[in-house]
């Protein structure tokens, strides 16, 4: 029988120097820093399921947001696998670094356009989306595929705010992902840029789409929920699987966490 710790022993443990405590670690996870051609370091965090992958490979959730979303996405996926029977997959989060770098990475080039005054990102350079998407597809993806057996037909790109903008831009202009998740996407960016891209998109394109918006979110043109809901309706009219999720009472910062269950379930639903 295991000995029972006495009160004095427990108190001694609790009063120990907190700086001597071992940090919590996430099982089956890894982190690498990968340099871009311009020398900027990206932190790539990867988690993977236990056991052998299916014959076709693991589905993949590429999540823009880095450390902010990595642990909650991974633990959500593992809990859904246990409690809801949703298949697990590989989760890759990409940490761009500073706000300025994220905005440059996530925004498409729109000649003559600048983020409106009065917003936190006003005055920050934009327009690096193509370079960043190329970096994911030509550098990050081969590195991940070199270590894990991935399903090329089940790849999801998900992002929040400008990350959601980038995900939708990729949907309309490229064929690299089977599923797109855009949470509080910055649909206002570019003064109609996304609508123009959507009109020009290949009519046979039917990638699965989830848009989620906080009902308290406000952009330069007001609440973004109505525009997101309308976009989903148009995508459904194409015959594609599309869903709109209203996040009641959520504003700018918390919707990615509120939408994480739906994001993971959409990415790994098959």
Protein backbone atom coordinates (compact mmCIF):
# COMPACT_ATOMS: atom_id res chain seq x y z
CA UNK A 1 0.00 0.00 0.00
CA UNK A 2 1.32 3.46 -0.91
CA UNK A 3 2.16 5.68 2.10
CA UNK A 4 -0.12 8.66 2.71
CA UNK A 5 1.61 12.05 2.82
CA UNK A 6 1.24 13.87 6.08
CA UNK A 7 0.03 17.45 6.44
CA UNK A 8 3.56 18.72 7.10
CA UNK A 9 4.87 17.05 3.93
CA UNK A 10 2.06 18.56 1.83
CA UNK A 11 2.67 22.01 3.28
CA UNK A 12 6.37 21.64 2.54
CA UNK A 13 5.62 20.80 -1.09
CA UNK A 14 3.24 23.75 -1.47
CA UNK A 15 5.70 26.20 0.05
CA UNK A 16 8.57 25.15 -2.22
CA UNK A 17 10.15 27.73 -4.48
CA UNK A 18 7.77 27.99 -7.49
CA UNK A 19 10.76 28.61 -9.78
CA UNK A 20 11.87 25.02 -9.07
CA UNK A 21 8.60 23.62 -10.43
CA UNK A 22 8.71 21.54 -13.62
CA UNK A 23 6.87 23.21 -16.55
CA UNK A 24 3.83 21.50 -18.02
CA UNK A 25 4.59 19.89 -21.36
CA UNK A 26 2.18 18.86 -24.11
CA UNK A 27 2.66 15.20 -25.06
CA UNK A 28 3.25 14.39 -28.73
CA UNK A 29 4.22 17.90 -29.71
CA UNK A 30 7.22 19.60 -31.21
CA UNK A 31 8.46 23.11 -31.95
CA UNK A 32 10.88 24.30 -34.60
CA UNK A 33 12.11 27.71 -35.70
CA UNK A 34 12.32 27.97 -39.46
CA UNK A 35 13.91 30.94 -41.24
CA UNK A 36 12.19 32.62 -44.18
CA UNK A 37 14.25 33.74 -47.20
CA UNK A 38 14.46 37.23 -45.67
CA UNK A 39 15.89 35.80 -42.44
CA UNK A 40 12.74 36.20 -40.33
CA UNK A 41 12.26 33.25 -37.95
CA UNK A 42 8.89 31.53 -37.80
CA UNK A 43 8.02 29.31 -34.86
CA UNK A 44 6.17 26.21 -36.04
CA UNK A 45 4.38 24.12 -33.41
CA UNK A 46 3.09 20.64 -34.33
CA UNK A 47 1.01 18.11 -32.40
CA UNK A 48 -0.03 14.68 -33.60
CA UNK A 49 -2.30 11.82 -32.52
CA UNK A 50 -1.26 8.65 -30.75
CA UNK A 51 -0.85 5.51 -32.81
CA UNK A 52 -0.49 4.84 -36.51
CA UNK A 53 -2.00 7.15 -39.13
CA UNK A 54 -4.82 5.95 -41.36
CA UNK A 55 -3.85 4.56 -44.76
CA UNK A 56 -4.51 7.88 -46.50
CA UNK A 57 -2.63 9.84 -43.85
CA UNK A 58 -3.63 12.21 -41.07
CA UNK A 59 -5.88 15.18 -41.81
CA UNK A 60 -4.12 18.48 -41.08
CA UNK A 61 -5.29 21.71 -39.48
CA UNK A 62 -3.01 24.62 -40.40
CA UNK A 63 -3.81 27.23 -37.78
CA UNK A 64 -2.65 30.84 -38.04
CA UNK A 65 -2.09 32.25 -34.57
CA UNK A 66 0.82 30.30 -33.15
CA UNK A 67 1.22 29.85 -29.43
CA UNK A 68 -2.06 31.60 -28.59
CA UNK A 69 -4.08 28.76 -30.13
CA UNK A 70 -1.80 25.72 -30.13
CA UNK A 71 -2.53 24.11 -26.77
CA UNK A 72 -6.27 24.74 -26.82
CA UNK A 73 -6.57 23.42 -30.40
CA UNK A 74 -4.62 20.28 -29.54
CA UNK A 75 -6.50 19.54 -26.32
CA UNK A 76 -9.84 20.28 -28.00
CA UNK A 77 -9.02 17.79 -30.75
CA UNK A 78 -8.03 15.12 -28.26
CA UNK A 79 -11.11 15.64 -26.13
CA UNK A 80 -13.42 15.53 -29.16
CA UNK A 81 -11.76 12.29 -30.26
CA UNK A 82 -12.46 10.76 -26.83
CA UNK A 83 -15.95 12.10 -26.22
CA UNK A 84 -17.46 12.68 -29.66
CA UNK A 85 -15.71 10.13 -31.83
CA UNK A 86 -14.27 12.77 -34.16
CA UNK A 87 -11.08 11.59 -35.86
CA UNK A 88 -7.85 13.18 -34.71
CA UNK A 89 -5.31 14.79 -36.96
CA UNK A 90 -2.10 16.77 -37.07
CA UNK A 91 -2.30 20.39 -35.88
CA UNK A 92 0.26 22.90 -37.12
CA UNK A 93 0.28 26.44 -35.80
CA UNK A 94 2.44 29.13 -37.32
CA UNK A 95 3.75 31.94 -35.12
CA UNK A 96 4.68 34.95 -37.25
CA UNK A 97 5.88 37.06 -34.35
CA UNK A 98 5.08 40.76 -34.01
CA UNK A 99 1.78 42.41 -34.92
CA UNK A 100 3.49 44.19 -37.79
CA UNK A 101 4.79 40.93 -39.24
CA UNK A 102 1.41 39.19 -38.92
CA UNK A 103 -0.37 42.03 -40.69
CA UNK A 104 2.19 42.01 -43.48
CA UNK A 105 1.91 38.21 -43.80
CA UNK A 106 -1.88 37.99 -43.71
CA UNK A 107 -2.92 40.83 -46.01
CA UNK A 108 -3.08 40.68 -49.82
CA UNK A 109 -1.59 43.48 -51.88
CA UNK A 110 -4.19 46.11 -52.83
CA UNK A 111 -2.64 49.02 -54.76
CA UNK A 112 -3.39 52.38 -53.17
CA UNK A 113 -5.15 50.89 -50.14
CA UNK A 114 -4.27 51.60 -46.50
CA UNK A 115 -5.91 50.40 -43.29
CA UNK A 116 -8.32 53.14 -42.13
CA UNK A 117 -7.17 55.59 -39.48
CA UNK A 118 -8.31 54.92 -35.95
CA UNK A 119 -7.72 51.18 -36.08
CA UNK A 120 -4.84 49.48 -34.24
CA UNK A 121 -3.17 48.40 -37.45
CA UNK A 122 -3.49 51.75 -39.21
CA UNK A 123 -0.23 52.77 -40.82
CA UNK A 124 1.26 49.26 -40.72
CA UNK A 125 2.56 48.01 -44.10
CA UNK A 126 0.41 45.37 -45.78
CA UNK A 127 0.55 43.15 -48.84
CA UNK A 128 2.70 40.09 -48.07
CA UNK A 129 0.02 37.41 -48.41
CA UNK A 130 1.36 35.74 -51.56
CA UNK A 131 4.87 35.46 -50.15
CA UNK A 132 3.54 34.01 -46.90
CA UNK A 133 1.19 31.50 -48.58
CA UNK A 134 4.08 30.39 -50.79
CA UNK A 135 6.19 29.93 -47.65
CA UNK A 136 3.54 27.66 -46.11
CA UNK A 137 3.06 25.61 -49.26
CA UNK A 138 6.67 25.38 -50.42
CA UNK A 139 8.61 25.27 -47.13
CA UNK A 140 6.46 24.50 -44.08
CA UNK A 141 4.25 21.85 -45.67
CA UNK A 142 7.13 19.74 -47.09
CA UNK A 143 8.88 19.84 -43.71
CA UNK A 144 5.77 18.59 -41.90
CA UNK A 145 5.07 15.99 -44.59
CA UNK A 146 8.63 14.74 -44.18
CA UNK A 147 7.90 13.66 -40.59
CA UNK A 148 4.21 12.74 -40.57
CA UNK A 149 2.07 10.82 -43.05
CA UNK A 150 -0.50 13.44 -44.10
CA UNK A 151 -3.67 13.20 -46.17
CA UNK A 152 -3.23 15.61 -49.12
CA UNK A 153 -7.00 15.64 -49.68
CA UNK A 154 -7.90 16.76 -46.15
CA UNK A 155 -6.06 20.01 -45.42
CA UNK A 156 -7.66 22.89 -43.52
CA UNK A 157 -6.44 26.49 -43.26
CA UNK A 158 -7.92 28.45 -40.35
CA UNK A 159 -7.37 31.98 -39.12
CA UNK A 160 -8.79 34.79 -37.00
CA UNK A 161 -9.29 38.43 -38.06
CA UNK A 162 -6.53 39.11 -40.63
CA UNK A 163 -5.78 35.38 -40.52
CA UNK A 164 -9.39 34.77 -41.57
CA UNK A 165 -8.92 37.28 -44.37
CA UNK A 166 -5.87 35.35 -45.55
CA UNK A 167 -7.74 32.04 -45.41
CA UNK A 168 -10.55 33.42 -47.59
CA UNK A 169 -8.05 35.01 -49.98
CA UNK A 170 -6.44 31.60 -50.35
CA UNK A 171 -9.85 30.01 -50.95
CA UNK A 172 -10.68 32.38 -53.80
CA UNK A 173 -7.26 32.43 -55.49
CA UNK A 174 -5.65 29.02 -54.86
CA UNK A 175 -6.53 25.31 -54.66
CA UNK A 176 -4.36 24.32 -51.72
CA UNK A 177 -6.92 23.50 -49.00
CA UNK A 178 -10.02 21.32 -48.86
CA UNK A 179 -11.49 23.32 -45.97
CA UNK A 180 -11.33 26.96 -44.91
CA UNK A 181 -12.22 28.33 -41.47
CA UNK A 182 -12.41 32.11 -41.08
CA UNK A 183 -13.19 33.49 -37.61
CA UNK A 184 -14.10 37.18 -37.42
CA UNK A 185 -12.53 37.60 -40.88
CA UNK A 186 -11.55 41.16 -41.78
CA UNK A 187 -13.94 41.25 -44.75
CA UNK A 188 -13.68 45.04 -44.88
CA UNK A 189 -10.00 44.98 -45.86
CA UNK A 190 -9.22 46.24 -49.33
CA UNK A 191 -12.50 48.03 -50.01
CA UNK A 192 -14.30 45.17 -51.78
CA UNK A 193 -11.21 43.14 -52.65
CA UNK A 194 -12.58 39.82 -51.39
CA UNK A 195 -15.90 40.25 -53.20
CA UNK A 196 -14.02 40.83 -56.44
CA UNK A 197 -11.88 37.73 -55.84
CA UNK A 198 -14.97 35.68 -55.06
CA UNK A 199 -16.65 36.71 -58.32
CA UNK A 200 -13.56 35.64 -60.28
CA UNK A 201 -13.09 32.36 -58.40
CA UNK A 202 -13.26 29.12 -60.35
CA UNK A 203 -16.97 28.15 -60.45
CA UNK A 204 -16.06 24.48 -59.91
CA UNK A 205 -14.32 25.30 -56.62
CA UNK A 206 -16.31 23.82 -53.73
CA UNK A 207 -14.01 23.75 -50.73
CA UNK A 208 -15.81 23.33 -47.42
CA UNK A 209 -16.24 26.64 -45.56
CA UNK A 210 -16.92 27.71 -41.98
CA UNK A 211 -17.24 31.39 -41.08
CA UNK A 212 -17.73 32.37 -37.44
CA UNK A 213 -18.24 35.95 -36.23
CA UNK A 214 -18.66 37.50 -32.81
CA UNK A 215 -21.89 39.44 -32.65
CA UNK A 216 -20.14 42.27 -30.79
CA UNK A 217 -17.29 42.58 -33.32
CA UNK A 218 -17.10 45.88 -35.20
CA UNK A 219 -15.00 46.72 -38.23
CA UNK A 220 -14.68 49.94 -40.20
CA UNK A 221 -17.99 49.17 -41.92
CA UNK A 222 -19.85 47.98 -38.82
CA UNK A 223 -20.69 44.45 -37.70
CA UNK A 224 -19.08 41.86 -39.96
CA UNK A 225 -21.62 39.12 -39.22
CA UNK A 226 -24.08 39.97 -41.97
CA UNK A 227 -21.36 39.99 -44.62
CA UNK A 228 -20.02 36.65 -43.41
CA UNK A 229 -23.47 35.10 -43.39
CA UNK A 230 -24.11 36.34 -46.93
CA UNK A 231 -20.80 34.90 -48.12
CA UNK A 232 -21.74 31.50 -46.66
CA UNK A 233 -25.11 31.64 -48.44
CA UNK A 234 -23.41 32.34 -51.76
CA UNK A 235 -21.00 29.45 -51.20
CA UNK A 236 -23.92 27.14 -50.43
CA UNK A 237 -25.50 28.19 -53.72
CA UNK A 238 -22.42 26.75 -55.44
CA UNK A 239 -23.33 23.37 -53.97
CA UNK A 240 -20.50 23.49 -51.45
CA UNK A 241 -20.68 22.64 -47.75
CA UNK A 242 -20.75 25.95 -45.90
CA UNK A 243 -21.81 27.03 -42.42
CA UNK A 244 -22.12 30.31 -40.58
CA UNK A 245 -21.66 30.35 -36.80
CA UNK A 246 -22.75 33.37 -34.75
CA UNK A 247 -20.73 33.75 -31.55
CA UNK A 248 -23.12 35.53 -29.22
CA UNK A 249 -21.65 38.42 -27.27
CA UNK A 250 -18.12 37.88 -28.54
CA UNK A 251 -16.07 40.84 -29.71
CA UNK A 252 -12.59 41.06 -31.22
CA UNK A 253 -10.23 39.00 -29.09
CA UNK A 254 -12.07 35.88 -27.89
CA UNK A 255 -13.94 34.40 -30.91
CA UNK A 256 -11.10 32.05 -31.92
CA UNK A 257 -11.39 30.31 -28.56
CA UNK A 258 -15.19 30.28 -28.75
CA UNK A 259 -15.03 28.77 -32.23
CA UNK A 260 -12.30 26.20 -31.52
CA UNK A 261 -14.60 23.21 -31.12
CA UNK A 262 -16.34 23.98 -34.41
CA UNK A 263 -12.97 24.64 -36.10
CA UNK A 264 -11.46 21.31 -35.04
CA UNK A 265 -14.64 19.37 -35.78
CA UNK A 266 -14.87 20.90 -39.25
CA UNK A 267 -11.21 20.17 -40.00
CA UNK A 268 -11.29 16.53 -38.87
CA UNK A 269 -14.88 15.52 -39.67
CA UNK A 270 -13.81 13.74 -42.87
